[in-house]
Amino acid sequence: IVAAMLEKYDIDEKTVRTDVKELLEL
């Protein structure tokens, strides 16, 4: 999921990992 997000959006990996982890926990 992180890899797909990094490919689609112009954002740093640390932010993506944090956001993905938060959504998955929810």
PDB file of all heavy atoms in Angstrom:
ATOM      1  N   ILE A   1       0.843  -1.199   0.000  1.00  0.00           N
ATOM      2  CA  ILE A   1       0.000   0.000   0.000  1.00  0.00           C
ATOM      3  C   ILE A   1       0.874   1.244   0.000  1.00  0.00           C
ATOM      4  O   ILE A   1       0.633   2.186  -0.760  1.00  0.00           O
ATOM      5  CB  ILE A   1      -0.972  -0.007   1.195  1.00  0.00           C
ATOM      6  CG1 ILE A   1      -1.958  -1.162   1.065  1.00  0.00           C
ATOM      7  CG2 ILE A   1      -1.709   1.335   1.309  1.00  0.00           C
ATOM      8  CD1 ILE A   1      -2.791  -1.422   2.304  1.00  0.00           C
ATOM      9  N   VAL A   2       1.902   1.242   0.829  1.00  0.00           N
ATOM     10  CA  VAL A   2       2.833   2.372   0.872  1.00  0.00           C
ATOM     11  C   VAL A   2       3.473   2.575  -0.501  1.00  0.00           C
ATOM     12  O   VAL A   2       3.543   3.705  -0.999  1.00  0.00           O
ATOM     13  CB  VAL A   2       3.903   2.171   1.967  1.00  0.00           C
ATOM     14  CG1 VAL A   2       5.033   3.183   1.824  1.00  0.00           C
ATOM     15  CG2 VAL A   2       3.265   2.268   3.351  1.00  0.00           C
ATOM     16  N   ALA A   3       3.910   1.504  -1.134  1.00  0.00           N
ATOM     17  CA  ALA A   3       4.546   1.608  -2.460  1.00  0.00           C
ATOM     18  C   ALA A   3       3.573   2.199  -3.483  1.00  0.00           C
ATOM     19  O   ALA A   3       3.950   3.064  -4.284  1.00  0.00           O
ATOM     20  CB  ALA A   3       5.039   0.239  -2.912  1.00  0.00           C
ATOM     21  N   ALA A   4       2.324   1.754  -3.460  1.00  0.00           N
ATOM     22  CA  ALA A   4       1.325   2.280  -4.393  1.00  0.00           C
ATOM     23  C   ALA A   4       1.059   3.761  -4.130  1.00  0.00           C
ATOM     24  O   ALA A   4       0.893   4.548  -5.077  1.00  0.00           O
ATOM     25  CB  ALA A   4       0.033   1.474  -4.280  1.00  0.00           C
ATOM     26  N   MET A   5       1.022   4.139  -2.864  1.00  0.00           N
ATOM     27  CA  MET A   5       0.809   5.542  -2.514  1.00  0.00           C
ATOM     28  C   MET A   5       1.972   6.412  -2.980  1.00  0.00           C
ATOM     29  O   MET A   5       1.761   7.502  -3.504  1.00  0.00           O
ATOM     30  CB  MET A   5       0.634   5.675  -0.998  1.00  0.00           C
ATOM     31  CG  MET A   5      -0.589   4.997  -0.438  1.00  0.00           C
ATOM     32  SD  MET A   5      -2.102   5.868  -0.810  1.00  0.00           S
ATOM     33  CE  MET A   5      -1.882   7.319   0.170  1.00  0.00           C
ATOM     34  N   LEU A   6       3.180   5.916  -2.795  1.00  0.00           N
ATOM     35  CA  LEU A   6       4.357   6.679  -3.221  1.00  0.00           C
ATOM     36  C   LEU A   6       4.385   6.848  -4.734  1.00  0.00           C
ATOM     37  O   LEU A   6       4.848   7.880  -5.237  1.00  0.00           O
ATOM     38  CB  LEU A   6       5.642   5.996  -2.735  1.00  0.00           C
ATOM     39  CG  LEU A   6       5.895   6.062  -1.233  1.00  0.00           C
ATOM     40  CD1 LEU A   6       7.071   5.184  -0.846  1.00  0.00           C
ATOM     41  CD2 LEU A   6       6.124   7.507  -0.793  1.00  0.00           C
ATOM     42  N   GLU A   7       3.894   5.843  -5.436  1.00  0.00           N
ATOM     43  CA  GLU A   7       3.844   5.921  -6.895  1.00  0.00           C
ATOM     44  C   GLU A   7       2.783   6.913  -7.367  1.00  0.00           C
ATOM     45  O   GLU A   7       2.980   7.632  -8.334  1.00  0.00           O
ATOM     46  CB  GLU A   7       3.552   4.538  -7.471  1.00  0.00           C
ATOM     47  CG  GLU A   7       3.656   4.479  -8.978  1.00  0.00           C
ATOM     48  CD  GLU A   7       3.503   3.064  -9.488  1.00  0.00           C
ATOM     49  OE1 GLU A   7       4.167   2.150  -8.957  1.00  0.00           O
ATOM     50  OE2 GLU A   7       2.705   2.890 -10.423  1.00  0.00           O
ATOM     51  N   LYS A   8       1.674   6.969  -6.662  1.00  0.00           N
ATOM     52  CA  LYS A   8       0.550   7.818  -7.082  1.00  0.00           C
ATOM     53  C   LYS A   8       0.690   9.265  -6.633  1.00  0.00           C
ATOM     54  O   LYS A   8       0.320  10.184  -7.355  1.00  0.00           O
ATOM     55  CB  LYS A   8      -0.762   7.240  -6.555  1.00  0.00           C
ATOM     56  CG  LYS A   8      -1.992   8.015  -7.016  1.00  0.00           C
ATOM     57  CD  LYS A   8      -3.261   7.276  -6.674  1.00  0.00           C
ATOM     58  CE  LYS A   8      -4.497   8.037  -7.047  1.00  0.00           C
ATOM     59  NZ  LYS A   8      -4.739   8.130  -8.471  1.00  0.00           N
ATOM     60  N   TYR A   9       1.194   9.472  -5.426  1.00  0.00           N
ATOM     61  CA  TYR A   9       1.225  10.808  -4.840  1.00  0.00           C
ATOM     62  C   TYR A   9       2.658  11.288  -4.636  1.00  0.00           C
ATOM     63  O   TYR A   9       3.560  10.504  -4.368  1.00  0.00           O
ATOM     64  CB  TYR A   9       0.502  10.821  -3.487  1.00  0.00           C
ATOM     65  CG  TYR A   9      -0.950  10.450  -3.584  1.00  0.00           C
ATOM     66  CD1 TYR A   9      -1.388   9.172  -3.232  1.00  0.00           C
ATOM     67  CD2 TYR A   9      -1.893  11.362  -4.038  1.00  0.00           C
ATOM     68  CE1 TYR A   9      -2.736   8.832  -3.321  1.00  0.00           C
ATOM     69  CE2 TYR A   9      -3.234  11.026  -4.131  1.00  0.00           C
ATOM     70  CZ  TYR A   9      -3.646   9.757  -3.774  1.00  0.00           C
ATOM     71  OH  TYR A   9      -4.964   9.408  -3.866  1.00  0.00           O
ATOM     72  N   ASP A  10       2.837  12.593  -4.719  1.00  0.00           N
ATOM     73  CA  ASP A  10       4.136  13.210  -4.483  1.00  0.00           C
ATOM     74  C   ASP A  10       4.236  13.566  -2.996  1.00  0.00           C
ATOM     75  O   ASP A  10       3.888  14.668  -2.584  1.00  0.00           O
ATOM     76  CB  ASP A  10       4.288  14.459  -5.346  1.00  0.00           C
ATOM     77  CG  ASP A  10       5.642  15.126  -5.186  1.00  0.00           C
ATOM     78  OD1 ASP A  10       6.616  14.419  -4.836  1.00  0.00           O
ATOM     79  OD2 ASP A  10       5.727  16.352  -5.402  1.00  0.00           O
ATOM     80  N   ILE A  11       4.687  12.575  -2.212  1.00  0.00           N
ATOM     81  CA  ILE A  11       4.742  12.731  -0.761  1.00  0.00           C
ATOM     82  C   ILE A  11       5.881  11.867  -0.223  1.00  0.00           C
ATOM     83  O   ILE A  11       6.273  10.892  -0.850  1.00  0.00           O
ATOM     84  CB  ILE A  11       3.378  12.342  -0.131  1.00  0.00           C
ATOM     85  CG1 ILE A  11       3.298  12.759   1.328  1.00  0.00           C
ATOM     86  CG2 ILE A  11       3.087  10.888  -0.318  1.00  0.00           C
ATOM     87  CD1 ILE A  11       1.897  12.705   1.890  1.00  0.00           C
ATOM     88  N   ASP A  12       6.403  12.247   0.917  1.00  0.00           N
ATOM     89  CA  ASP A  12       7.541  11.507   1.467  1.00  0.00           C
ATOM     90  C   ASP A  12       7.087  10.201   2.124  1.00  0.00           C
ATOM     91  O   ASP A  12       5.946  10.080   2.584  1.00  0.00           O
ATOM     92  CB  ASP A  12       8.315  12.368   2.469  1.00  0.00           C
ATOM     93  CG  ASP A  12       7.503  12.683   3.704  1.00  0.00           C
ATOM     94  OD1 ASP A  12       6.630  13.572   3.625  1.00  0.00           O
ATOM     95  OD2 ASP A  12       7.722  12.022   4.741  1.00  0.00           O
ATOM     96  N   GLU A  13       7.981   9.228   2.153  1.00  0.00           N
ATOM     97  CA  GLU A  13       7.651   7.895   2.653  1.00  0.00           C
ATOM     98  C   GLU A  13       7.256   7.891   4.118  1.00  0.00           C
ATOM     99  O   GLU A  13       6.333   7.164   4.510  1.00  0.00           O
ATOM    100  CB  GLU A  13       8.820   6.936   2.421  1.00  0.00           C
ATOM    101  CG  GLU A  13       8.484   5.517   2.808  1.00  0.00           C
ATOM    102  CD  GLU A  13       9.551   4.508   2.455  1.00  0.00           C
ATOM    103  OE1 GLU A  13      10.479   4.840   1.700  1.00  0.00           O
ATOM    104  OE2 GLU A  13       9.454   3.371   2.941  1.00  0.00           O
ATOM    105  N   LYS A  14       7.896   8.707   4.938  1.00  0.00           N
ATOM    106  CA  LYS A  14       7.572   8.722   6.364  1.00  0.00           C
ATOM    107  C   LYS A  14       6.110   9.135   6.588  1.00  0.00           C
ATOM    108  O   LYS A  14       5.395   8.507   7.376  1.00  0.00           O
ATOM    109  CB  LYS A  14       8.506   9.675   7.113  1.00  0.00           C
ATOM    110  CG  LYS A  14       8.269   9.703   8.602  1.00  0.00           C
ATOM    111  CD  LYS A  14       9.218  10.623   9.313  1.00  0.00           C
ATOM    112  CE  LYS A  14       8.918  10.615  10.805  1.00  0.00           C
ATOM    113  NZ  LYS A  14       9.751  11.553  11.541  1.00  0.00           N
ATOM    114  N   THR A  15       5.672  10.159   5.874  1.00  0.00           N
ATOM    115  CA  THR A  15       4.287  10.616   6.002  1.00  0.00           C
ATOM    116  C   THR A  15       3.318   9.541   5.518  1.00  0.00           C
ATOM    117  O   THR A  15       2.304   9.264   6.167  1.00  0.00           O
ATOM    118  CB  THR A  15       4.084  11.915   5.203  1.00  0.00           C
ATOM    119  OG1 THR A  15       4.971  12.911   5.721  1.00  0.00           O
ATOM    120  CG2 THR A  15       2.643  12.409   5.302  1.00  0.00           C
ATOM    121  N   VAL A  16       3.639   8.921   4.377  1.00  0.00           N
ATOM    122  CA  VAL A  16       2.781   7.873   3.830  1.00  0.00           C
ATOM    123  C   VAL A  16       2.658   6.720   4.819  1.00  0.00           C
ATOM    124  O   VAL A  16       1.562   6.241   5.094  1.00  0.00           O
ATOM    125  CB  VAL A  16       3.304   7.374   2.468  1.00  0.00           C
ATOM    126  CG1 VAL A  16       2.571   6.120   2.031  1.00  0.00           C
ATOM    127  CG2 VAL A  16       3.166   8.449   1.421  1.00  0.00           C
ATOM    128  N   ARG A  17       3.779   6.252   5.353  1.00  0.00           N
ATOM    129  CA  ARG A  17       3.753   5.126   6.297  1.00  0.00           C
ATOM    130  C   ARG A  17       2.891   5.457   7.514  1.00  0.00           C
ATOM    131  O   ARG A  17       2.109   4.630   7.979  1.00  0.00           O
ATOM    132  CB  ARG A  17       5.156   4.734   6.729  1.00  0.00           C
ATOM    133  CG  ARG A  17       5.885   3.962   5.675  1.00  0.00           C
ATOM    134  CD  ARG A  17       7.065   3.175   6.233  1.00  0.00           C
ATOM    135  NE  ARG A  17       7.661   2.451   5.137  1.00  0.00           N
ATOM    136  CZ  ARG A  17       7.221   1.295   4.669  1.00  0.00           C
ATOM    137  NH1 ARG A  17       6.183   0.716   5.226  1.00  0.00           N
ATOM    138  NH2 ARG A  17       7.809   0.712   3.651  1.00  0.00           N
ATOM    139  N   THR A  18       3.045   6.654   8.034  1.00  0.00           N
ATOM    140  CA  THR A  18       2.261   7.065   9.199  1.00  0.00           C
ATOM    141  C   THR A  18       0.770   7.074   8.876  1.00  0.00           C
ATOM    142  O   THR A  18      -0.050   6.542   9.636  1.00  0.00           O
ATOM    143  CB  THR A  18       2.709   8.460   9.681  1.00  0.00           C
ATOM    144  OG1 THR A  18       4.098   8.403  10.031  1.00  0.00           O
ATOM    145  CG2 THR A  18       1.893   8.932  10.871  1.00  0.00           C
ATOM    146  N   ASP A  19       0.423   7.656   7.738  1.00  0.00           N
ATOM    147  CA  ASP A  19      -0.991   7.749   7.358  1.00  0.00           C
ATOM    148  C   ASP A  19      -1.596   6.379   7.053  1.00  0.00           C
ATOM    149  O   ASP A  19      -2.728   6.096   7.451  1.00  0.00           O
ATOM    150  CB  ASP A  19      -1.153   8.674   6.147  1.00  0.00           C
ATOM    151  CG  ASP A  19      -0.859  10.129   6.489  1.00  0.00           C
ATOM    152  OD1 ASP A  19      -0.737  10.466   7.682  1.00  0.00           O
ATOM    153  OD2 ASP A  19      -0.752  10.935   5.540  1.00  0.00           O
ATOM    154  N   VAL A  20      -0.855   5.530   6.356  1.00  0.00           N
ATOM    155  CA  VAL A  20      -1.351   4.188   6.033  1.00  0.00           C
ATOM    156  C   VAL A  20      -1.547   3.386   7.309  1.00  0.00           C
ATOM    157  O   VAL A  20      -2.581   2.742   7.498  1.00  0.00           O
ATOM    158  CB  VAL A  20      -0.405   3.461   5.047  1.00  0.00           C
ATOM    159  CG1 VAL A  20      -0.725   1.974   4.953  1.00  0.00           C
ATOM    160  CG2 VAL A  20      -0.478   4.115   3.671  1.00  0.00           C
ATOM    161  N   LYS A  21      -0.572   3.449   8.198  1.00  0.00           N
ATOM    162  CA  LYS A  21      -0.675   2.711   9.460  1.00  0.00           C
ATOM    163  C   LYS A  21      -1.906   3.169  10.252  1.00  0.00           C
ATOM    164  O   LYS A  21      -2.659   2.353  10.779  1.00  0.00           O
ATOM    165  CB  LYS A  21       0.600   2.903  10.280  1.00  0.00           C
ATOM    166  CG  LYS A  21       0.652   2.093  11.535  1.00  0.00           C
ATOM    167  CD  LYS A  21       1.999   2.319  12.238  1.00  0.00           C
ATOM    168  CE  LYS A  21       2.237   1.306  13.300  1.00  0.00           C
ATOM    169  NZ  LYS A  21       2.662   0.014  12.807  1.00  0.00           N
ATOM    170  N   GLU A  22      -2.135   4.477  10.299  1.00  0.00           N
ATOM    171  CA  GLU A  22      -3.277   5.019  11.030  1.00  0.00           C
ATOM    172  C   GLU A  22      -4.600   4.533  10.430  1.00  0.00           C
ATOM    173  O   GLU A  22      -5.509   4.112  11.161  1.00  0.00           O
ATOM    174  CB  GLU A  22      -3.218   6.544  10.998  1.00  0.00           C
ATOM    175  CG  GLU A  22      -4.311   7.233  11.778  1.00  0.00           C
ATOM    176  CD  GLU A  22      -4.174   8.743  11.720  1.00  0.00           C
ATOM    177  OE1 GLU A  22      -3.079   9.269  11.993  1.00  0.00           O
ATOM    178  OE2 GLU A  22      -5.183   9.391  11.386  1.00  0.00           O
ATOM    179  N   LEU A  23      -4.720   4.571   9.112  1.00  0.00           N
ATOM    180  CA  LEU A  23      -5.951   4.117   8.476  1.00  0.00           C
ATOM    181  C   LEU A  23      -6.158   2.621   8.689  1.00  0.00           C
ATOM    182  O   LEU A  23      -7.269   2.181   9.005  1.00  0.00           O
ATOM    183  CB  LEU A  23      -5.958   4.443   6.981  1.00  0.00           C
ATOM    184  CG  LEU A  23      -7.211   3.983   6.234  1.00  0.00           C
ATOM    185  CD1 LEU A  23      -8.480   4.617   6.801  1.00  0.00           C
ATOM    186  CD2 LEU A  23      -7.083   4.253   4.748  1.00  0.00           C
ATOM    187  N   LEU A  24      -5.108   1.826   8.546  1.00  0.00           N
ATOM    188  CA  LEU A  24      -5.241   0.379   8.738  1.00  0.00           C
ATOM    189  C   LEU A  24      -5.650   0.042  10.162  1.00  0.00           C
ATOM    190  O   LEU A  24      -6.461  -0.858  10.390  1.00  0.00           O
ATOM    191  CB  LEU A  24      -3.948  -0.338   8.356  1.00  0.00           C
ATOM    192  CG  LEU A  24      -3.596  -0.298   6.866  1.00  0.00           C
ATOM    193  CD1 LEU A  24      -2.249  -0.969   6.625  1.00  0.00           C
ATOM    194  CD2 LEU A  24      -4.682  -0.920   6.016  1.00  0.00           C
ATOM    195  N   GLU A  25      -5.114   0.766  11.141  1.00  0.00           N
ATOM    196  CA  GLU A  25      -5.507   0.546  12.536  1.00  0.00           C
ATOM    197  C   GLU A  25      -6.993   0.872  12.732  1.00  0.00           C
ATOM    198  O   GLU A  25      -7.710   0.153  13.427  1.00  0.00           O
ATOM    199  CB  GLU A  25      -4.648   1.381  13.475  1.00  0.00           C
ATOM    200  CG  GLU A  25      -3.234   0.846  13.608  1.00  0.00           C
ATOM    201  CD  GLU A  25      -2.315   1.736  14.433  1.00  0.00           C
ATOM    202  OE1 GLU A  25      -2.771   2.787  14.956  1.00  0.00           O
ATOM    203  OE2 GLU A  25      -1.127   1.390  14.542  1.00  0.00           O
ATOM    204  N   LEU A  26      -7.459   1.937  12.087  1.00  0.00           N
ATOM    205  CA  LEU A  26      -8.875   2.293  12.175  1.00  0.00           C
ATOM    206  C   LEU A  26      -9.745   1.206  11.543  1.00  0.00           C
ATOM    207  O   LEU A  26     -10.744   0.785  12.134  1.00  0.00           O
ATOM    208  CB  LEU A  26      -9.125   3.633  11.491  1.00  0.00           C
ATOM    209  CG  LEU A  26     -10.587   4.069  11.433  1.00  0.00           C
ATOM    210  CD1 LEU A  26     -11.135   4.313  12.836  1.00  0.00           C
ATOM    211  CD2 LEU A  26     -10.726   5.308  10.572  1.00  0.00           C
TER     212      LEU A  26
END
